[in-house]
């Protein structure tokens, strides 16, 4: 797993790290203290990914609004 701070990770890096955390926790072969640390890291990674997605969605909505399209979260018909 990367030692890169979560805040500096790209969405893709954070998702890959989150997958590693989930795999380690699902295997169940880590000590309790390490499990807690992994869980904390996983929570931080999940929040980081959610924040990145929300920022991307906001950018898309801004672009759509600038193009004069209807703004909303529902996908457009026929896309």
PDB file of N, CA and C in Angstrom:
ATOM      1  N   UNK A   1       0.846  -1.176   0.000  1.00  0.00           N
ATOM      2  CA  UNK A   1       0.000   0.000   0.000  1.00  0.00           C
ATOM      3  C   UNK A   1       0.889   1.236   0.000  1.00  0.00           C
ATOM      4  N   UNK A   2       0.417   2.273  -0.656  1.00  0.00           N
ATOM      5  CA  UNK A   2       1.181   3.507  -0.802  1.00  0.00           C
ATOM      6  C   UNK A   2       1.275   4.273   0.520  1.00  0.00           C
ATOM      7  N   UNK A   3       2.429   4.907   0.719  1.00  0.00           N
ATOM      8  CA  UNK A   3       2.598   5.763   1.888  1.00  0.00           C
ATOM      9  C   UNK A   3       2.209   7.198   1.569  1.00  0.00           C
ATOM     10  N   UNK A   4       1.745   7.441   0.357  1.00  0.00           N
ATOM     11  CA  UNK A   4       1.325   8.770  -0.069  1.00  0.00           C
ATOM     12  C   UNK A   4       0.132   9.211   0.781  1.00  0.00           C
ATOM     13  N   UNK A   5       0.140  10.453   1.258  1.00  0.00           N
ATOM     14  CA  UNK A   5      -1.009  10.929   2.034  1.00  0.00           C
ATOM     15  C   UNK A   5      -2.297  10.868   1.205  1.00  0.00           C
ATOM     16  N   UNK A   6      -3.376  10.503   1.841  1.00  0.00           N
ATOM     17  CA  UNK A   6      -4.663  10.357   1.156  1.00  0.00           C
ATOM     18  C   UNK A   6      -5.037  11.640   0.415  1.00  0.00           C
ATOM     19  N   UNK A   7      -4.830  12.789   1.025  1.00  0.00           N
ATOM     20  CA  UNK A   7      -5.212  14.058   0.417  1.00  0.00           C
ATOM     21  C   UNK A   7      -4.474  14.338  -0.889  1.00  0.00           C
ATOM     22  N   UNK A   8      -3.336  13.688  -1.095  1.00  0.00           N
ATOM     23  CA  UNK A   8      -2.551  13.903  -2.315  1.00  0.00           C
ATOM     24  C   UNK A   8      -2.847  12.867  -3.395  1.00  0.00           C
ATOM     25  N   UNK A   9      -3.677  11.891  -3.105  1.00  0.00           N
ATOM     26  CA  UNK A   9      -3.976  10.830  -4.055  1.00  0.00           C
ATOM     27  C   UNK A   9      -4.988  11.280  -5.093  1.00  0.00           C
ATOM     28  N   UNK A  10      -4.809  10.754  -6.303  1.00  0.00           N
ATOM     29  CA  UNK A  10      -5.838  10.931  -7.323  1.00  0.00           C
ATOM     30  C   UNK A  10      -7.001  10.010  -6.956  1.00  0.00           C
ATOM     31  N   UNK A  11      -8.110  10.191  -7.634  1.00  0.00           N
ATOM     32  CA  UNK A  11      -9.258   9.316  -7.401  1.00  0.00           C
ATOM     33  C   UNK A  11      -8.871   7.857  -7.643  1.00  0.00           C
ATOM     34  N   UNK A  12      -8.172   7.621  -8.748  1.00  0.00           N
ATOM     35  CA  UNK A  12      -7.796   6.252  -9.109  1.00  0.00           C
ATOM     36  C   UNK A  12      -6.852   5.629  -8.084  1.00  0.00           C
ATOM     37  N   UNK A  13      -5.901   6.418  -7.596  1.00  0.00           N
ATOM     38  CA  UNK A  13      -4.982   5.909  -6.565  1.00  0.00           C
ATOM     39  C   UNK A  13      -5.742   5.573  -5.287  1.00  0.00           C
ATOM     40  N   UNK A  14      -6.663   6.448  -4.910  1.00  0.00           N
ATOM     41  CA  UNK A  14      -7.433   6.233  -3.685  1.00  0.00           C
ATOM     42  C   UNK A  14      -8.326   5.001  -3.805  1.00  0.00           C
ATOM     43  N   UNK A  15      -8.932   4.811  -4.975  1.00  0.00           N
ATOM     44  CA  UNK A  15      -9.775   3.628  -5.175  1.00  0.00           C
ATOM     45  C   UNK A  15      -8.946   2.349  -5.091  1.00  0.00           C
ATOM     46  N   UNK A  16      -7.767   2.352  -5.698  1.00  0.00           N
ATOM     47  CA  UNK A  16      -6.894   1.174  -5.646  1.00  0.00           C
ATOM     48  C   UNK A  16      -6.470   0.886  -4.207  1.00  0.00           C
ATOM     49  N   UNK A  17      -6.122   1.932  -3.465  1.00  0.00           N
ATOM     50  CA  UNK A  17      -5.726   1.757  -2.063  1.00  0.00           C
ATOM     51  C   UNK A  17      -6.907   1.253  -1.238  1.00  0.00           C
ATOM     52  N   UNK A  18      -8.098   1.761  -1.514  1.00  0.00           N
ATOM     53  CA  UNK A  18      -9.291   1.315  -0.798  1.00  0.00           C
ATOM     54  C   UNK A  18      -9.570  -0.161  -1.082  1.00  0.00           C
ATOM     55  N   UNK A  19      -9.385  -0.580  -2.315  1.00  0.00           N
ATOM     56  CA  UNK A  19      -9.551  -2.001  -2.651  1.00  0.00           C
ATOM     57  C   UNK A  19      -8.568  -2.867  -1.874  1.00  0.00           C
ATOM     58  N   UNK A  20      -7.330  -2.393  -1.741  1.00  0.00           N
ATOM     59  CA  UNK A  20      -6.334  -3.143  -0.964  1.00  0.00           C
ATOM     60  C   UNK A  20      -6.747  -3.257   0.492  1.00  0.00           C
ATOM     61  N   UNK A  21      -7.235  -2.162   1.049  1.00  0.00           N
ATOM     62  CA  UNK A  21      -7.676  -2.161   2.446  1.00  0.00           C
ATOM     63  C   UNK A  21      -8.810  -3.162   2.632  1.00  0.00           C
ATOM     64  N   UNK A  22      -9.802  -3.099   1.753  1.00  0.00           N
ATOM     65  CA  UNK A  22     -10.950  -4.003   1.852  1.00  0.00           C
ATOM     66  C   UNK A  22     -10.493  -5.457   1.744  1.00  0.00           C
ATOM     67  N   UNK A  23      -9.609  -5.744   0.802  1.00  0.00           N
ATOM     68  CA  UNK A  23      -9.112  -7.118   0.652  1.00  0.00           C
ATOM     69  C   UNK A  23      -8.410  -7.604   1.905  1.00  0.00           C
ATOM     70  N   UNK A  24      -7.570  -6.746   2.495  1.00  0.00           N
ATOM     71  CA  UNK A  24      -6.862  -7.141   3.725  1.00  0.00           C
ATOM     72  C   UNK A  24      -7.845  -7.397   4.860  1.00  0.00           C
ATOM     73  N   UNK A  25      -8.835  -6.518   5.000  1.00  0.00           N
ATOM     74  CA  UNK A  25      -9.808  -6.691   6.079  1.00  0.00           C
ATOM     75  C   UNK A  25     -10.665  -7.933   5.854  1.00  0.00           C
ATOM     76  N   UNK A  26     -11.033  -8.194   4.606  1.00  0.00           N
ATOM     77  CA  UNK A  26     -11.857  -9.373   4.318  1.00  0.00           C
ATOM     78  C   UNK A  26     -11.105 -10.676   4.570  1.00  0.00           C
ATOM     79  N   UNK A  27      -9.795 -10.681   4.332  1.00  0.00           N
ATOM     80  CA  UNK A  27      -9.002 -11.887   4.595  1.00  0.00           C
ATOM     81  C   UNK A  27      -8.999 -12.220   6.086  1.00  0.00           C
ATOM     82  N   UNK A  28      -9.027 -11.179   6.914  1.00  0.00           N
ATOM     83  CA  UNK A  28      -9.079 -11.400   8.353  1.00  0.00           C
ATOM     84  C   UNK A  28      -7.795 -11.915   8.963  1.00  0.00           C
ATOM     85  N   UNK A  29      -6.690 -11.745   8.264  1.00  0.00           N
ATOM     86  CA  UNK A  29      -5.429 -12.281   8.782  1.00  0.00           C
ATOM     87  C   UNK A  29      -4.520 -11.196   9.359  1.00  0.00           C
ATOM     88  N   UNK A  30      -5.108 -10.084   9.781  1.00  0.00           N
ATOM     89  CA  UNK A  30      -4.330  -9.009  10.399  1.00  0.00           C
ATOM     90  C   UNK A  30      -4.730  -8.866  11.863  1.00  0.00           C
ATOM     91  N   UNK A  31      -3.789  -8.406  12.657  1.00  0.00           N
ATOM     92  CA  UNK A  31      -4.037  -8.227  14.090  1.00  0.00           C
ATOM     93  C   UNK A  31      -5.093  -7.140  14.320  1.00  0.00           C
ATOM     94  N   UNK A  32      -5.681  -7.157  15.490  1.00  0.00           N
ATOM     95  CA  UNK A  32      -6.750  -6.221  15.828  1.00  0.00           C
ATOM     96  C   UNK A  32      -6.317  -4.770  15.635  1.00  0.00           C
ATOM     97  N   UNK A  33      -5.174  -4.404  16.161  1.00  0.00           N
ATOM     98  CA  UNK A  33      -4.702  -3.022  16.040  1.00  0.00           C
ATOM     99  C   UNK A  33      -4.503  -2.623  14.580  1.00  0.00           C
ATOM    100  N   UNK A  34      -3.956  -3.530  13.786  1.00  0.00           N
ATOM    101  CA  UNK A  34      -3.764  -3.253  12.370  1.00  0.00           C
ATOM    102  C   UNK A  34      -5.116  -3.162  11.659  1.00  0.00           C
ATOM    103  N   UNK A  35      -6.071  -3.974  12.064  1.00  0.00           N
ATOM    104  CA  UNK A  35      -7.411  -3.917  11.489  1.00  0.00           C
ATOM    105  C   UNK A  35      -8.051  -2.561  11.742  1.00  0.00           C
ATOM    106  N   UNK A  36      -7.875  -2.048  12.946  1.00  0.00           N
ATOM    107  CA  UNK A  36      -8.434  -0.733  13.287  1.00  0.00           C
ATOM    108  C   UNK A  36      -7.775   0.352  12.436  1.00  0.00           C
ATOM    109  N   UNK A  37      -6.453   0.272  12.303  1.00  0.00           N
ATOM    110  CA  UNK A  37      -5.731   1.254  11.486  1.00  0.00           C
ATOM    111  C   UNK A  37      -6.172   1.161  10.020  1.00  0.00           C
ATOM    112  N   UNK A  38      -6.357  -0.049   9.520  1.00  0.00           N
ATOM    113  CA  UNK A  38      -6.821  -0.228   8.150  1.00  0.00           C
ATOM    114  C   UNK A  38      -8.226   0.329   7.963  1.00  0.00           C
ATOM    115  N   UNK A  39      -9.084   0.088   8.945  1.00  0.00           N
ATOM    116  CA  UNK A  39     -10.453   0.603   8.884  1.00  0.00           C
ATOM    117  C   UNK A  39     -10.445   2.130   8.837  1.00  0.00           C
ATOM    118  N   UNK A  40      -9.611   2.741   9.667  1.00  0.00           N
ATOM    119  CA  UNK A  40      -9.501   4.209   9.668  1.00  0.00           C
ATOM    120  C   UNK A  40      -9.004   4.716   8.320  1.00  0.00           C
ATOM    121  N   UNK A  41      -8.008   4.046   7.765  1.00  0.00           N
ATOM    122  CA  UNK A  41      -7.481   4.442   6.458  1.00  0.00           C
ATOM    123  C   UNK A  41      -8.557   4.270   5.392  1.00  0.00           C
ATOM    124  N   UNK A  42      -9.290   3.171   5.473  1.00  0.00           N
ATOM    125  CA  UNK A  42     -10.372   2.931   4.517  1.00  0.00           C
ATOM    126  C   UNK A  42     -11.438   4.010   4.578  1.00  0.00           C
ATOM    127  N   UNK A  43     -11.787   4.437   5.786  1.00  0.00           N
ATOM    128  CA  UNK A  43     -12.781   5.497   5.936  1.00  0.00           C
ATOM    129  C   UNK A  43     -12.280   6.801   5.317  1.00  0.00           C
ATOM    130  N   UNK A  44     -11.009   7.105   5.519  1.00  0.00           N
ATOM    131  CA  UNK A  44     -10.424   8.320   4.933  1.00  0.00           C
ATOM    132  C   UNK A  44     -10.392   8.225   3.409  1.00  0.00           C
ATOM    133  N   UNK A  45     -10.053   7.062   2.894  1.00  0.00           N
ATOM    134  CA  UNK A  45     -10.021   6.859   1.446  1.00  0.00           C
ATOM    135  C   UNK A  45     -11.417   6.979   0.843  1.00  0.00           C
ATOM    136  N   UNK A  46     -12.408   6.411   1.510  1.00  0.00           N
ATOM    137  CA  UNK A  46     -13.795   6.488   1.028  1.00  0.00           C
ATOM    138  C   UNK A  46     -14.254   7.933   0.975  1.00  0.00           C
ATOM    139  N   UNK A  47     -13.955   8.697   2.008  1.00  0.00           N
ATOM    140  CA  UNK A  47     -14.347  10.111   2.037  1.00  0.00           C
ATOM    141  C   UNK A  47     -13.638  10.877   0.925  1.00  0.00           C
ATOM    142  N   UNK A  48     -12.364  10.606   0.736  1.00  0.00           N
ATOM    143  CA  UNK A  48     -11.592  11.271  -0.313  1.00  0.00           C
ATOM    144  C   UNK A  48     -12.197  10.981  -1.687  1.00  0.00           C
ATOM    145  N   UNK A  49     -12.548   9.725  -1.936  1.00  0.00           N
ATOM    146  CA  UNK A  49     -13.161   9.360  -3.216  1.00  0.00           C
ATOM    147  C   UNK A  49     -14.519  10.042  -3.387  1.00  0.00           C
ATOM    148  N   UNK A  50     -15.309  10.062  -2.331  1.00  0.00           N
ATOM    149  CA  UNK A  50     -16.616  10.729  -2.400  1.00  0.00           C
ATOM    150  C   UNK A  50     -16.461  12.214  -2.685  1.00  0.00           C
ATOM    151  N   UNK A  51     -15.498  12.839  -2.034  1.00  0.00           N
ATOM    152  CA  UNK A  51     -15.247  14.268  -2.263  1.00  0.00           C
ATOM    153  C   UNK A  51     -14.801  14.527  -3.703  1.00  0.00           C
ATOM    154  N   UNK A  52     -13.923  13.666  -4.220  1.00  0.00           N
ATOM    155  CA  UNK A  52     -13.451  13.808  -5.609  1.00  0.00           C
ATOM    156  C   UNK A  52     -14.616  13.658  -6.584  1.00  0.00           C
ATOM    157  N   UNK A  53     -15.493  12.687  -6.337  1.00  0.00           N
ATOM    158  CA  UNK A  53     -16.645  12.488  -7.207  1.00  0.00           C
ATOM    159  C   UNK A  53     -17.597  13.678  -7.150  1.00  0.00           C
ATOM    160  N   UNK A  54     -17.826  14.216  -5.957  1.00  0.00           N
ATOM    161  CA  UNK A  54     -18.708  15.371  -5.811  1.00  0.00           C
ATOM    162  C   UNK A  54     -18.137  16.581  -6.552  1.00  0.00           C
ATOM    163  N   UNK A  55     -16.821  16.768  -6.467  1.00  0.00           N
ATOM    164  CA  UNK A  55     -16.183  17.879  -7.172  1.00  0.00           C
ATOM    165  C   UNK A  55     -16.297  17.698  -8.678  1.00  0.00           C
ATOM    166  N   UNK A  56     -16.118  16.482  -9.151  1.00  0.00           N
ATOM    167  CA  UNK A  56     -16.245  16.214 -10.581  1.00  0.00           C
ATOM    168  C   UNK A  56     -17.678  16.452 -11.047  1.00  0.00           C
ATOM    169  N   UNK A  57     -18.639  16.018 -10.253  1.00  0.00           N
ATOM    170  CA  UNK A  57     -20.047  16.233 -10.597  1.00  0.00           C
ATOM    171  C   UNK A  57     -20.363  17.725 -10.662  1.00  0.00           C
ATOM    172  N   UNK A  58     -19.836  18.487  -9.726  1.00  0.00           N
ATOM    173  CA  UNK A  58     -20.069  19.941  -9.723  1.00  0.00           C
ATOM    174  C   UNK A  58     -19.473  20.581 -10.980  1.00  0.00           C
ATOM    175  N   UNK A  59     -18.298  20.122 -11.394  1.00  0.00           N
ATOM    176  CA  UNK A  59     -17.677  20.659 -12.611  1.00  0.00           C
ATOM    177  C   UNK A  59     -18.525  20.345 -13.836  1.00  0.00           C
ATOM    178  N   UNK A  60     -19.013  19.116 -13.913  1.00  0.00           N
ATOM    179  CA  UNK A  60     -19.847  18.725 -15.045  1.00  0.00           C
ATOM    180  C   UNK A  60     -21.112  19.572 -15.074  1.00  0.00           C
ATOM    181  N   UNK A  61     -21.716  19.780 -13.935  1.00  0.00           N
ATOM    182  CA  UNK A  61     -22.937  20.596 -13.867  1.00  0.00           C
ATOM    183  C   UNK A  61     -22.660  22.030 -14.303  1.00  0.00           C
ATOM    184  N   UNK A  62     -21.496  22.576 -13.933  1.00  0.00           N
ATOM    185  CA  UNK A  62     -21.127  23.925 -14.359  1.00  0.00           C
ATOM    186  C   UNK A  62     -20.978  23.986 -15.875  1.00  0.00           C
ATOM    187  N   UNK A  63     -20.330  22.978 -16.422  1.00  0.00           N
ATOM    188  CA  UNK A  63     -20.139  22.932 -17.875  1.00  0.00           C
ATOM    189  C   UNK A  63     -21.492  22.833 -18.573  1.00  0.00           C
ATOM    190  N   UNK A  64     -22.351  21.979 -18.071  1.00  0.00           N
ATOM    191  CA  UNK A  64     -23.681  21.826 -18.665  1.00  0.00           C
ATOM    192  C   UNK A  64     -24.459  23.124 -18.585  1.00  0.00           C
ATOM    193  N   UNK A  65     -24.359  23.832 -17.467  1.00  0.00           N
ATOM    194  CA  UNK A  65     -25.074  25.094 -17.306  1.00  0.00           C
ATOM    195  C   UNK A  65     -24.532  26.141 -18.275  1.00  0.00           C
ATOM    196  N   UNK A  66     -23.230  26.151 -18.480  1.00  0.00           N
ATOM    197  CA  UNK A  66     -22.614  27.107 -19.403  1.00  0.00           C
ATOM    198  C   UNK A  66     -23.013  26.822 -20.841  1.00  0.00           C
ATOM    199  N   UNK A  67     -23.306  25.576 -21.142  1.00  0.00           N
ATOM    200  CA  UNK A  67     -23.719  25.201 -22.491  1.00  0.00           C
ATOM    201  C   UNK A  67     -25.210  25.430 -22.707  1.00  0.00           C
ATOM    202  N   UNK A  68     -25.897  25.881 -21.681  1.00  0.00           N
ATOM    203  CA  UNK A  68     -27.321  26.160 -21.790  1.00  0.00           C
ATOM    204  C   UNK A  68     -28.207  24.941 -21.647  1.00  0.00           C
ATOM    205  N   UNK A  69     -27.633  23.863 -21.176  1.00  0.00           N
ATOM    206  CA  UNK A  69     -28.422  22.641 -20.961  1.00  0.00           C
ATOM    207  C   UNK A  69     -29.085  22.702 -19.601  1.00  0.00           C
ATOM    208  N   UNK A  70     -30.098  21.908 -19.449  1.00  0.00           N
ATOM    209  CA  UNK A  70     -30.763  21.796 -18.154  1.00  0.00           C
ATOM    210  C   UNK A  70     -29.766  21.205 -17.161  1.00  0.00           C
ATOM    211  N   UNK A  71     -29.789  21.713 -15.966  1.00  0.00           N
ATOM    212  CA  UNK A  71     -28.870  21.262 -14.936  1.00  0.00           C
ATOM    213  C   UNK A  71     -29.631  20.357 -13.969  1.00  0.00           C
ATOM    214  N   UNK A  72     -29.052  19.211 -13.668  1.00  0.00           N
ATOM    215  CA  UNK A  72     -29.671  18.280 -12.724  1.00  0.00           C
ATOM    216  C   UNK A  72     -28.786  17.072 -12.561  1.00  0.00           C
ATOM    217  N   UNK A  73     -29.208  16.159 -11.725  1.00  0.00           N
ATOM    218  CA  UNK A  73     -28.390  14.981 -11.488  1.00  0.00           C
ATOM    219  C   UNK A  73     -28.884  13.767 -12.251  1.00  0.00           C
ATOM    220  N   UNK A  74     -30.077  13.864 -12.862  1.00  0.00           N
ATOM    221  CA  UNK A  74     -30.609  12.733 -13.612  1.00  0.00           C
ATOM    222  C   UNK A  74     -29.947  12.665 -14.983  1.00  0.00           C
ATOM    223  N   UNK A  75     -29.636  11.464 -15.459  1.00  0.00           N
ATOM    224  CA  UNK A  75     -29.023  11.361 -16.783  1.00  0.00           C
ATOM    225  C   UNK A  75     -30.008  11.790 -17.864  1.00  0.00           C
ATOM    226  N   UNK A  76     -29.491  12.362 -18.920  1.00  0.00           N
ATOM    227  CA  UNK A  76     -30.328  12.806 -20.012  1.00  0.00           C
ATOM    228  C   UNK A  76     -30.851  11.595 -20.791  1.00  0.00           C
ATOM    229  N   UNK A  77     -32.032  11.703 -21.334  1.00  0.00           N
ATOM    230  CA  UNK A  77     -32.614  10.636 -22.147  1.00  0.00           C
ATOM    231  C   UNK A  77     -31.758  10.426 -23.395  1.00  0.00           C
ATOM    232  N   UNK A  78     -31.543   9.196 -23.764  1.00  0.00           N
ATOM    233  CA  UNK A  78     -30.878   8.878 -25.000  1.00  0.00           C
ATOM    234  C   UNK A  78     -29.368   8.956 -24.980  1.00  0.00           C
ATOM    235  N   UNK A  79     -28.763   9.147 -23.829  1.00  0.00           N
ATOM    236  CA  UNK A  79     -27.296   9.182 -23.767  1.00  0.00           C
ATOM    237  C   UNK A  79     -26.739   7.807 -23.594  1.00  0.00           C
TER     238      UNK A  79
END
